[in-house]
């Protein structure tokens, strides 16, 4: 990909918003119902963390990894925004590489889940200071700063996985930006 084809932060954010909206619309009803049940049962922090890992983090990481290693090389949000994820040389990602990228992408959110659930669930000790929440905000700031400041608009998970997000390459189309 050339420098002009890298996705802007605004397009990436829009794609993320679409994916997040679709994902949470899909799981939120179940999550809301089950979370109420969890609180009523007074699950411990570890049980709650495992619940979040299995019902939020792993499905989200799987969705991103499967989508970005697929022939479309993009989640639905990225597809709608005309974006795709490739290796830095423009190659399609293997599932393993896409999985690493997705896991690193969701690492701050999983730190947030851990901070919410451990050492005691937040609903048991709501006034307890949780350093993990500070770490989450610092990490998210670094992810955003990297995406805004790096030459190829790469966030931390892109840099670590050797990936870039760019405009979808349309093969066989010479002039796809103008109407006939």
N, C-alpha and C. Protein backbone atom coordinates (compact mmCIF):
# COMPACT_ATOMS: atom_id res chain seq x y z
N UNK A 1 0.84 -1.18 0.00
CA UNK A 1 0.00 0.00 0.00
C UNK A 1 0.88 1.24 0.00
N UNK A 2 0.45 2.24 -0.71
CA UNK A 2 1.20 3.48 -0.66
C UNK A 2 0.67 4.34 0.47
N UNK A 3 1.38 5.42 0.79
CA UNK A 3 1.04 6.27 1.92
C UNK A 3 -0.37 6.82 1.80
N UNK A 4 -0.83 7.13 0.60
CA UNK A 4 -2.15 7.72 0.43
C UNK A 4 -3.28 6.74 0.69
N UNK A 5 -3.01 5.45 0.71
CA UNK A 5 -4.09 4.48 0.87
C UNK A 5 -4.34 4.06 2.32
N UNK A 6 -3.57 4.58 3.28
CA UNK A 6 -3.79 4.21 4.67
C UNK A 6 -5.06 4.86 5.20
N UNK A 7 -5.79 4.12 5.99
CA UNK A 7 -7.05 4.61 6.54
C UNK A 7 -6.82 5.74 7.53
N UNK A 8 -7.65 6.75 7.46
CA UNK A 8 -7.58 7.84 8.43
C UNK A 8 -8.12 7.36 9.77
N UNK A 9 -7.76 8.06 10.81
CA UNK A 9 -8.27 7.74 12.13
C UNK A 9 -9.79 7.84 12.15
N UNK A 10 -10.34 8.84 11.49
CA UNK A 10 -11.80 9.03 11.47
C UNK A 10 -12.51 7.84 10.82
N UNK A 11 -11.98 7.32 9.72
CA UNK A 11 -12.60 6.16 9.06
C UNK A 11 -12.48 4.91 9.94
N UNK A 12 -11.33 4.74 10.57
CA UNK A 12 -11.15 3.60 11.47
C UNK A 12 -12.11 3.70 12.65
N UNK A 13 -12.26 4.90 13.20
CA UNK A 13 -13.17 5.10 14.32
C UNK A 13 -14.61 4.82 13.90
N UNK A 14 -14.99 5.27 12.71
CA UNK A 14 -16.35 5.00 12.21
C UNK A 14 -16.58 3.50 12.05
N UNK A 15 -15.60 2.79 11.51
CA UNK A 15 -15.71 1.34 11.35
C UNK A 15 -15.82 0.67 12.71
N UNK A 16 -15.03 1.13 13.66
CA UNK A 16 -15.08 0.58 15.02
C UNK A 16 -16.46 0.82 15.63
N UNK A 17 -17.01 2.00 15.44
CA UNK A 17 -18.33 2.32 15.97
C UNK A 17 -19.39 1.40 15.38
N UNK A 18 -19.32 1.17 14.07
CA UNK A 18 -20.27 0.26 13.41
C UNK A 18 -20.15 -1.15 14.00
N UNK A 19 -18.92 -1.65 14.07
CA UNK A 19 -18.71 -3.00 14.60
C UNK A 19 -19.16 -3.12 16.06
N UNK A 20 -18.82 -2.14 16.86
CA UNK A 20 -19.19 -2.16 18.27
C UNK A 20 -20.71 -2.12 18.42
N UNK A 21 -21.36 -1.28 17.64
CA UNK A 21 -22.82 -1.18 17.70
C UNK A 21 -23.46 -2.51 17.30
N UNK A 22 -22.99 -3.10 16.21
CA UNK A 22 -23.54 -4.38 15.78
C UNK A 22 -23.27 -5.48 16.80
N UNK A 23 -22.05 -5.53 17.30
CA UNK A 23 -21.68 -6.57 18.26
C UNK A 23 -22.51 -6.46 19.54
N UNK A 24 -22.58 -5.26 20.09
CA UNK A 24 -23.32 -5.11 21.34
C UNK A 24 -24.82 -5.21 21.14
N UNK A 25 -25.33 -4.85 20.00
CA UNK A 25 -26.75 -5.07 19.72
C UNK A 25 -27.03 -6.57 19.73
N UNK A 26 -26.11 -7.33 19.20
CA UNK A 26 -26.25 -8.79 19.14
C UNK A 26 -26.17 -9.43 20.52
N UNK A 27 -25.23 -8.98 21.35
CA UNK A 27 -25.02 -9.64 22.64
C UNK A 27 -25.62 -8.90 23.83
N UNK A 28 -25.99 -7.66 23.68
CA UNK A 28 -26.39 -6.87 24.84
C UNK A 28 -27.63 -7.40 25.54
N UNK A 29 -28.64 -7.82 24.81
CA UNK A 29 -29.84 -8.35 25.46
C UNK A 29 -29.51 -9.53 26.35
N UNK A 30 -28.72 -10.43 25.83
CA UNK A 30 -28.29 -11.58 26.62
C UNK A 30 -27.43 -11.12 27.79
N UNK A 31 -26.48 -10.24 27.51
CA UNK A 31 -25.59 -9.75 28.56
C UNK A 31 -26.37 -9.07 29.68
N UNK A 32 -27.30 -8.22 29.32
CA UNK A 32 -28.05 -7.46 30.33
C UNK A 32 -28.83 -8.41 31.23
N UNK A 33 -29.49 -9.37 30.63
CA UNK A 33 -30.26 -10.34 31.39
C UNK A 33 -29.35 -11.17 32.29
N UNK A 34 -28.26 -11.67 31.73
CA UNK A 34 -27.36 -12.51 32.51
C UNK A 34 -26.62 -11.72 33.57
N UNK A 35 -26.24 -10.48 33.27
CA UNK A 35 -25.53 -9.67 34.26
C UNK A 35 -26.40 -9.43 35.48
N UNK A 36 -27.67 -9.18 35.27
CA UNK A 36 -28.60 -8.99 36.38
C UNK A 36 -28.61 -10.25 37.24
N UNK A 37 -28.64 -11.40 36.59
CA UNK A 37 -28.60 -12.68 37.28
C UNK A 37 -27.30 -12.85 38.07
N UNK A 38 -26.19 -12.44 37.45
CA UNK A 38 -24.88 -12.57 38.08
C UNK A 38 -24.84 -11.75 39.37
N UNK A 39 -25.30 -10.51 39.30
CA UNK A 39 -25.28 -9.64 40.47
C UNK A 39 -26.20 -10.21 41.56
N UNK A 40 -27.36 -10.71 41.17
CA UNK A 40 -28.27 -11.27 42.16
C UNK A 40 -27.66 -12.49 42.85
N UNK A 41 -26.90 -13.28 42.13
CA UNK A 41 -26.28 -14.47 42.72
C UNK A 41 -25.03 -14.13 43.52
N UNK A 42 -24.58 -12.89 43.42
CA UNK A 42 -23.37 -12.44 44.09
C UNK A 42 -22.16 -13.29 43.71
N UNK A 43 -21.99 -13.49 42.44
CA UNK A 43 -20.81 -14.20 41.97
C UNK A 43 -19.56 -13.50 42.47
N UNK A 44 -18.53 -14.27 42.65
CA UNK A 44 -17.24 -13.71 43.02
C UNK A 44 -16.57 -13.07 41.81
N UNK A 45 -15.50 -12.35 42.06
CA UNK A 45 -14.80 -11.65 41.00
C UNK A 45 -14.24 -12.55 39.91
N UNK A 46 -13.67 -13.67 40.30
CA UNK A 46 -13.10 -14.58 39.30
C UNK A 46 -14.19 -15.17 38.43
N UNK A 47 -15.32 -15.56 39.02
CA UNK A 47 -16.44 -16.08 38.24
C UNK A 47 -16.93 -15.03 37.25
N UNK A 48 -17.03 -13.80 37.72
CA UNK A 48 -17.51 -12.72 36.86
C UNK A 48 -16.51 -12.45 35.73
N UNK A 49 -15.23 -12.43 36.05
CA UNK A 49 -14.20 -12.21 35.01
C UNK A 49 -14.27 -13.31 33.97
N UNK A 50 -14.38 -14.55 34.37
CA UNK A 50 -14.48 -15.65 33.41
C UNK A 50 -15.73 -15.53 32.55
N UNK A 51 -16.81 -15.09 33.16
CA UNK A 51 -18.06 -14.85 32.44
C UNK A 51 -17.83 -13.78 31.35
N UNK A 52 -17.22 -12.66 31.71
CA UNK A 52 -16.95 -11.60 30.74
C UNK A 52 -16.00 -12.08 29.64
N UNK A 53 -14.99 -12.82 30.04
CA UNK A 53 -14.04 -13.35 29.06
C UNK A 53 -14.75 -14.23 28.04
N UNK A 54 -15.61 -15.12 28.52
CA UNK A 54 -16.29 -16.08 27.63
C UNK A 54 -17.42 -15.45 26.80
N UNK A 55 -18.09 -14.43 27.35
CA UNK A 55 -19.26 -13.89 26.66
C UNK A 55 -19.03 -12.57 25.95
N UNK A 56 -17.91 -11.92 26.23
CA UNK A 56 -17.62 -10.63 25.57
C UNK A 56 -16.29 -10.69 24.83
N UNK A 57 -15.21 -10.87 25.57
CA UNK A 57 -13.88 -10.76 24.98
C UNK A 57 -13.61 -11.82 23.92
N UNK A 58 -13.80 -13.08 24.25
CA UNK A 58 -13.50 -14.13 23.27
C UNK A 58 -14.38 -14.05 22.02
N UNK A 59 -15.69 -13.80 22.14
CA UNK A 59 -16.48 -13.62 20.91
C UNK A 59 -16.01 -12.41 20.08
N UNK A 60 -15.66 -11.32 20.74
CA UNK A 60 -15.21 -10.13 20.00
C UNK A 60 -13.87 -10.40 19.30
N UNK A 61 -12.93 -10.99 20.02
CA UNK A 61 -11.62 -11.31 19.44
C UNK A 61 -11.80 -12.29 18.27
N UNK A 62 -12.66 -13.27 18.45
CA UNK A 62 -12.91 -14.24 17.37
C UNK A 62 -13.52 -13.58 16.15
N UNK A 63 -14.49 -12.69 16.36
CA UNK A 63 -15.12 -11.97 15.25
C UNK A 63 -14.08 -11.18 14.45
N UNK A 64 -13.24 -10.43 15.14
CA UNK A 64 -12.23 -9.64 14.45
C UNK A 64 -11.21 -10.53 13.74
N UNK A 65 -10.73 -11.56 14.41
CA UNK A 65 -9.71 -12.43 13.82
C UNK A 65 -10.26 -13.17 12.60
N UNK A 66 -11.46 -13.73 12.72
CA UNK A 66 -12.05 -14.44 11.58
C UNK A 66 -12.35 -13.49 10.42
N UNK A 67 -12.87 -12.32 10.72
CA UNK A 67 -13.21 -11.35 9.67
C UNK A 67 -11.97 -10.82 8.96
N UNK A 68 -10.94 -10.49 9.72
CA UNK A 68 -9.77 -9.85 9.13
C UNK A 68 -8.82 -10.84 8.47
N UNK A 69 -8.99 -12.14 8.73
CA UNK A 69 -8.20 -13.15 8.02
C UNK A 69 -9.02 -13.78 6.88
N UNK A 70 -10.25 -13.34 6.73
CA UNK A 70 -11.14 -13.86 5.69
C UNK A 70 -10.76 -13.26 4.33
N UNK A 71 -11.35 -13.75 3.25
CA UNK A 71 -11.09 -13.14 1.94
C UNK A 71 -11.44 -11.64 1.88
N UNK A 72 -12.37 -11.18 2.72
CA UNK A 72 -12.73 -9.76 2.74
C UNK A 72 -11.69 -8.93 3.48
N UNK A 73 -10.91 -9.56 4.35
CA UNK A 73 -9.86 -8.90 5.12
C UNK A 73 -10.40 -7.73 5.94
N UNK A 74 -11.64 -7.87 6.39
CA UNK A 74 -12.26 -6.76 7.10
C UNK A 74 -13.47 -7.23 7.89
N UNK A 75 -13.73 -6.54 8.98
CA UNK A 75 -14.98 -6.73 9.71
C UNK A 75 -16.09 -6.07 8.88
N UNK A 76 -17.32 -6.25 9.30
CA UNK A 76 -18.42 -5.61 8.58
C UNK A 76 -18.29 -4.09 8.60
N UNK A 77 -17.90 -3.54 9.74
CA UNK A 77 -17.70 -2.09 9.83
C UNK A 77 -16.63 -1.60 8.87
N UNK A 78 -15.53 -2.31 8.79
CA UNK A 78 -14.46 -1.92 7.86
C UNK A 78 -14.94 -2.08 6.41
N UNK A 79 -15.69 -3.14 6.14
CA UNK A 79 -16.21 -3.32 4.78
C UNK A 79 -17.10 -2.14 4.40
N UNK A 80 -17.99 -1.75 5.30
CA UNK A 80 -18.89 -0.62 5.02
C UNK A 80 -18.13 0.69 4.84
N UNK A 81 -16.99 0.81 5.49
CA UNK A 81 -16.17 2.03 5.36
C UNK A 81 -15.14 1.91 4.24
N UNK A 82 -15.15 0.80 3.48
CA UNK A 82 -14.22 0.63 2.37
C UNK A 82 -12.78 0.37 2.81
N UNK A 83 -12.60 -0.29 3.96
CA UNK A 83 -11.28 -0.54 4.50
C UNK A 83 -10.96 -2.03 4.51
N UNK A 84 -9.68 -2.33 4.61
CA UNK A 84 -9.24 -3.72 4.78
C UNK A 84 -7.95 -3.74 5.59
N UNK A 85 -7.70 -4.89 6.22
CA UNK A 85 -6.49 -5.07 7.03
C UNK A 85 -5.55 -5.98 6.26
N UNK A 86 -4.30 -5.58 6.16
CA UNK A 86 -3.29 -6.40 5.50
C UNK A 86 -2.00 -6.38 6.32
N UNK A 87 -1.08 -7.24 5.93
CA UNK A 87 0.27 -7.14 6.47
C UNK A 87 0.90 -5.89 5.88
N UNK A 88 2.03 -5.48 6.40
CA UNK A 88 2.67 -4.25 5.92
C UNK A 88 3.10 -4.32 4.46
N UNK A 89 3.24 -5.54 3.92
CA UNK A 89 3.58 -5.70 2.50
C UNK A 89 2.33 -5.88 1.63
N UNK A 90 1.14 -5.72 2.23
CA UNK A 90 -0.10 -5.82 1.48
C UNK A 90 -0.70 -7.21 1.44
N UNK A 91 -0.10 -8.17 2.15
CA UNK A 91 -0.59 -9.54 2.10
C UNK A 91 -1.78 -9.76 3.03
N UNK A 92 -2.56 -10.77 2.69
CA UNK A 92 -3.69 -11.17 3.52
C UNK A 92 -3.15 -11.79 4.81
N UNK A 93 -3.82 -11.52 5.92
CA UNK A 93 -3.38 -12.04 7.21
C UNK A 93 -3.75 -13.50 7.38
N UNK A 94 -2.86 -14.26 8.01
CA UNK A 94 -3.21 -15.60 8.45
C UNK A 94 -4.13 -15.45 9.65
N UNK A 95 -4.85 -16.52 9.98
CA UNK A 95 -5.71 -16.45 11.15
C UNK A 95 -4.89 -16.18 12.42
N UNK A 96 -3.73 -16.81 12.55
CA UNK A 96 -2.90 -16.61 13.73
C UNK A 96 -2.48 -15.15 13.90
N UNK A 97 -2.08 -14.53 12.83
CA UNK A 97 -1.66 -13.12 12.89
C UNK A 97 -2.86 -12.22 13.19
N UNK A 98 -4.00 -12.51 12.59
CA UNK A 98 -5.21 -11.73 12.86
C UNK A 98 -5.64 -11.92 14.31
N UNK A 99 -5.44 -13.12 14.84
CA UNK A 99 -5.80 -13.40 16.24
C UNK A 99 -4.91 -12.59 17.18
N UNK A 100 -3.62 -12.53 16.90
CA UNK A 100 -2.70 -11.73 17.72
C UNK A 100 -3.12 -10.27 17.68
N UNK A 101 -3.41 -9.76 16.48
CA UNK A 101 -3.84 -8.37 16.31
C UNK A 101 -5.10 -8.10 17.13
N UNK A 102 -6.08 -8.98 17.01
CA UNK A 102 -7.36 -8.79 17.71
C UNK A 102 -7.17 -8.87 19.23
N UNK A 103 -6.38 -9.82 19.69
CA UNK A 103 -6.15 -9.97 21.13
C UNK A 103 -5.48 -8.71 21.69
N UNK A 104 -4.51 -8.18 20.98
CA UNK A 104 -3.84 -6.95 21.42
C UNK A 104 -4.78 -5.75 21.35
N UNK A 105 -5.65 -5.75 20.36
CA UNK A 105 -6.62 -4.67 20.22
C UNK A 105 -7.54 -4.60 21.44
N UNK A 106 -7.95 -5.77 21.94
CA UNK A 106 -8.88 -5.83 23.06
C UNK A 106 -8.21 -5.92 24.43
N UNK A 107 -6.89 -5.90 24.46
CA UNK A 107 -6.17 -5.98 25.73
C UNK A 107 -6.59 -4.90 26.73
N UNK A 108 -6.69 -3.62 26.34
CA UNK A 108 -7.12 -2.61 27.32
C UNK A 108 -8.51 -2.90 27.88
N UNK A 109 -9.40 -3.40 27.04
CA UNK A 109 -10.75 -3.68 27.50
C UNK A 109 -10.76 -4.86 28.48
N UNK A 110 -9.91 -5.85 28.22
CA UNK A 110 -9.82 -6.98 29.13
C UNK A 110 -9.20 -6.55 30.46
N UNK A 111 -8.26 -5.63 30.42
CA UNK A 111 -7.71 -5.07 31.66
C UNK A 111 -8.83 -4.37 32.43
N UNK A 112 -9.71 -3.69 31.71
CA UNK A 112 -10.87 -3.06 32.34
C UNK A 112 -11.78 -4.08 32.99
N UNK A 113 -12.02 -5.20 32.30
CA UNK A 113 -12.86 -6.26 32.87
C UNK A 113 -12.22 -6.81 34.15
N UNK A 114 -10.91 -7.06 34.08
CA UNK A 114 -10.20 -7.56 35.26
C UNK A 114 -10.33 -6.57 36.43
N UNK A 115 -10.20 -5.29 36.10
CA UNK A 115 -10.27 -4.26 37.14
C UNK A 115 -11.67 -4.16 37.72
N UNK A 116 -12.67 -4.40 36.91
CA UNK A 116 -14.06 -4.37 37.35
C UNK A 116 -14.36 -5.54 38.29
N UNK A 117 -13.74 -6.70 38.02
CA UNK A 117 -14.07 -7.93 38.73
C UNK A 117 -13.15 -8.30 39.88
N UNK A 118 -11.88 -7.89 39.82
CA UNK A 118 -10.91 -8.36 40.80
C UNK A 118 -10.22 -7.21 41.52
N UNK A 119 -9.79 -7.34 42.73
CA UNK A 119 -9.81 -8.55 43.55
C UNK A 119 -11.21 -8.87 44.07
N UNK A 120 -12.05 -7.86 44.20
CA UNK A 120 -13.46 -8.09 44.53
C UNK A 120 -14.30 -7.39 43.48
N UNK A 121 -15.47 -7.89 43.17
CA UNK A 121 -16.31 -7.22 42.16
C UNK A 121 -16.62 -5.79 42.58
N UNK A 122 -16.73 -4.92 41.62
CA UNK A 122 -16.92 -3.50 41.90
C UNK A 122 -18.23 -3.24 42.65
N UNK A 123 -19.24 -4.09 42.45
CA UNK A 123 -20.50 -3.87 43.16
C UNK A 123 -20.39 -4.23 44.64
N UNK A 124 -19.35 -4.98 45.02
CA UNK A 124 -19.11 -5.31 46.42
C UNK A 124 -18.29 -4.21 47.09
N UNK A 125 -17.34 -3.64 46.34
CA UNK A 125 -16.46 -2.60 46.89
C UNK A 125 -16.39 -1.42 45.91
N UNK A 126 -17.50 -0.67 45.78
CA UNK A 126 -17.55 0.39 44.77
C UNK A 126 -16.59 1.55 45.01
N UNK A 127 -16.16 1.76 46.24
CA UNK A 127 -15.27 2.89 46.54
C UNK A 127 -13.79 2.52 46.41
N UNK A 128 -13.50 1.26 46.19
CA UNK A 128 -12.12 0.77 46.12
C UNK A 128 -11.41 1.34 44.89
N UNK A 129 -10.22 1.91 45.11
CA UNK A 129 -9.42 2.41 43.98
C UNK A 129 -8.92 1.23 43.15
N UNK A 130 -9.02 1.34 41.85
CA UNK A 130 -8.61 0.26 40.96
C UNK A 130 -7.62 0.80 39.93
N UNK A 131 -6.37 0.50 40.13
CA UNK A 131 -5.29 0.98 39.26
C UNK A 131 -5.50 0.53 37.81
N UNK A 132 -6.17 -0.59 37.62
CA UNK A 132 -6.41 -1.09 36.27
C UNK A 132 -7.16 -0.11 35.41
N UNK A 133 -8.08 0.66 36.00
CA UNK A 133 -8.83 1.64 35.21
C UNK A 133 -7.91 2.76 34.71
N UNK A 134 -6.92 3.13 35.51
CA UNK A 134 -5.93 4.12 35.08
C UNK A 134 -5.11 3.53 33.93
N UNK A 135 -4.71 2.27 34.06
CA UNK A 135 -3.94 1.60 33.01
C UNK A 135 -4.74 1.55 31.71
N UNK A 136 -6.03 1.29 31.81
CA UNK A 136 -6.89 1.24 30.62
C UNK A 136 -6.86 2.57 29.88
N UNK A 137 -7.05 3.67 30.61
CA UNK A 137 -7.09 4.99 29.95
C UNK A 137 -5.73 5.37 29.36
N UNK A 138 -4.66 5.03 30.06
CA UNK A 138 -3.32 5.30 29.51
C UNK A 138 -3.11 4.47 28.24
N UNK A 139 -3.46 3.19 28.30
CA UNK A 139 -3.30 2.32 27.13
C UNK A 139 -4.13 2.82 25.95
N UNK A 140 -5.39 3.17 26.19
CA UNK A 140 -6.23 3.67 25.10
C UNK A 140 -5.65 4.96 24.52
N UNK A 141 -5.11 5.82 25.38
CA UNK A 141 -4.46 7.03 24.89
C UNK A 141 -3.28 6.71 23.99
N UNK A 142 -2.49 5.72 24.37
CA UNK A 142 -1.35 5.31 23.54
C UNK A 142 -1.82 4.71 22.20
N UNK A 143 -2.87 3.91 22.24
CA UNK A 143 -3.41 3.32 21.01
C UNK A 143 -3.86 4.42 20.05
N UNK A 144 -4.59 5.40 20.58
CA UNK A 144 -5.09 6.51 19.75
C UNK A 144 -3.92 7.36 19.25
N UNK A 145 -2.99 7.71 20.13
CA UNK A 145 -1.84 8.53 19.73
C UNK A 145 -1.05 7.84 18.62
N UNK A 146 -0.82 6.55 18.74
CA UNK A 146 -0.08 5.83 17.70
C UNK A 146 -0.83 5.90 16.37
N UNK A 147 -2.13 5.68 16.39
CA UNK A 147 -2.91 5.71 15.15
C UNK A 147 -2.92 7.10 14.52
N UNK A 148 -2.85 8.12 15.34
CA UNK A 148 -2.84 9.50 14.82
C UNK A 148 -1.45 9.94 14.35
N UNK A 149 -0.40 9.44 15.00
CA UNK A 149 0.93 9.99 14.77
C UNK A 149 1.87 9.16 13.90
N UNK A 150 1.61 7.88 13.73
CA UNK A 150 2.52 7.07 12.92
C UNK A 150 2.27 7.32 11.43
N UNK A 151 3.30 7.16 10.66
CA UNK A 151 3.24 7.43 9.22
C UNK A 151 2.16 6.62 8.53
N UNK A 152 2.05 5.34 8.90
CA UNK A 152 1.06 4.47 8.25
C UNK A 152 -0.22 4.35 9.05
N UNK A 153 -0.43 5.28 9.99
CA UNK A 153 -1.65 5.33 10.80
C UNK A 153 -1.90 4.03 11.55
N UNK A 154 -0.81 3.43 12.07
CA UNK A 154 -0.89 2.17 12.80
C UNK A 154 -1.07 2.40 14.29
N UNK A 155 -2.01 1.68 14.87
CA UNK A 155 -2.17 1.70 16.31
C UNK A 155 -1.20 0.68 16.92
N UNK A 156 -1.22 0.55 18.22
CA UNK A 156 -0.30 -0.34 18.92
C UNK A 156 -0.47 -1.79 18.44
N UNK A 157 -1.72 -2.23 18.30
CA UNK A 157 -1.95 -3.61 17.86
C UNK A 157 -1.50 -3.83 16.42
N UNK A 158 -1.55 -2.80 15.58
CA UNK A 158 -1.03 -2.90 14.21
C UNK A 158 0.49 -3.00 14.22
N UNK A 159 1.13 -2.15 15.01
CA UNK A 159 2.59 -2.17 15.08
C UNK A 159 3.10 -3.52 15.57
N UNK A 160 2.46 -4.04 16.62
CA UNK A 160 2.90 -5.32 17.18
C UNK A 160 2.66 -6.49 16.23
N UNK A 161 1.56 -6.44 15.48
CA UNK A 161 1.23 -7.55 14.58
C UNK A 161 1.77 -7.34 13.16
N UNK A 162 2.36 -6.18 12.89
CA UNK A 162 2.88 -5.90 11.55
C UNK A 162 1.77 -5.76 10.52
N UNK A 163 0.73 -5.01 10.90
CA UNK A 163 -0.42 -4.83 10.01
C UNK A 163 -0.69 -3.36 9.75
N UNK A 164 -1.47 -3.12 8.71
CA UNK A 164 -1.95 -1.77 8.39
C UNK A 164 -3.42 -1.88 7.99
N UNK A 165 -4.13 -0.77 8.18
CA UNK A 165 -5.51 -0.67 7.72
C UNK A 165 -5.50 0.35 6.59
N UNK A 166 -6.01 -0.07 5.44
CA UNK A 166 -6.01 0.82 4.30
C UNK A 166 -7.31 0.77 3.55
N UNK A 167 -7.36 1.58 2.51
CA UNK A 167 -8.54 1.57 1.64
C UNK A 167 -8.59 0.23 0.93
N UNK A 168 -9.80 -0.31 0.79
CA UNK A 168 -9.99 -1.59 0.10
C UNK A 168 -9.46 -1.47 -1.32
N UNK A 169 -8.66 -2.45 -1.70
CA UNK A 169 -8.12 -2.50 -3.05
C UNK A 169 -9.12 -3.20 -3.95
N UNK A 170 -9.63 -2.49 -4.95
CA UNK A 170 -10.60 -3.06 -5.86
C UNK A 170 -9.86 -3.53 -7.10
N UNK A 171 -9.80 -4.85 -7.29
CA UNK A 171 -9.06 -5.41 -8.43
C UNK A 171 -9.91 -5.35 -9.67
N UNK A 172 -9.29 -5.00 -10.77
CA UNK A 172 -9.96 -4.97 -12.06
C UNK A 172 -10.70 -3.67 -12.34
N UNK A 173 -10.70 -2.74 -11.39
CA UNK A 173 -11.39 -1.47 -11.59
C UNK A 173 -10.33 -0.39 -11.77
N UNK A 174 -10.37 0.28 -12.89
CA UNK A 174 -9.40 1.34 -13.13
C UNK A 174 -9.90 2.66 -12.55
N UNK A 175 -11.15 3.00 -12.81
CA UNK A 175 -11.68 4.27 -12.38
C UNK A 175 -12.95 4.02 -11.58
N UNK A 176 -12.83 3.67 -10.32
CA UNK A 176 -14.00 3.38 -9.52
C UNK A 176 -14.49 4.59 -8.73
N UNK A 177 -13.86 5.73 -8.90
CA UNK A 177 -14.25 6.92 -8.16
C UNK A 177 -15.15 7.86 -8.94
N UNK A 178 -15.37 7.60 -10.20
CA UNK A 178 -16.19 8.50 -11.02
C UNK A 178 -17.33 7.74 -11.66
N UNK A 179 -18.47 8.40 -11.82
CA UNK A 179 -19.59 7.75 -12.50
C UNK A 179 -19.41 7.88 -14.00
N UNK A 180 -20.06 6.99 -14.73
CA UNK A 180 -19.92 6.99 -16.19
C UNK A 180 -20.94 7.86 -16.84
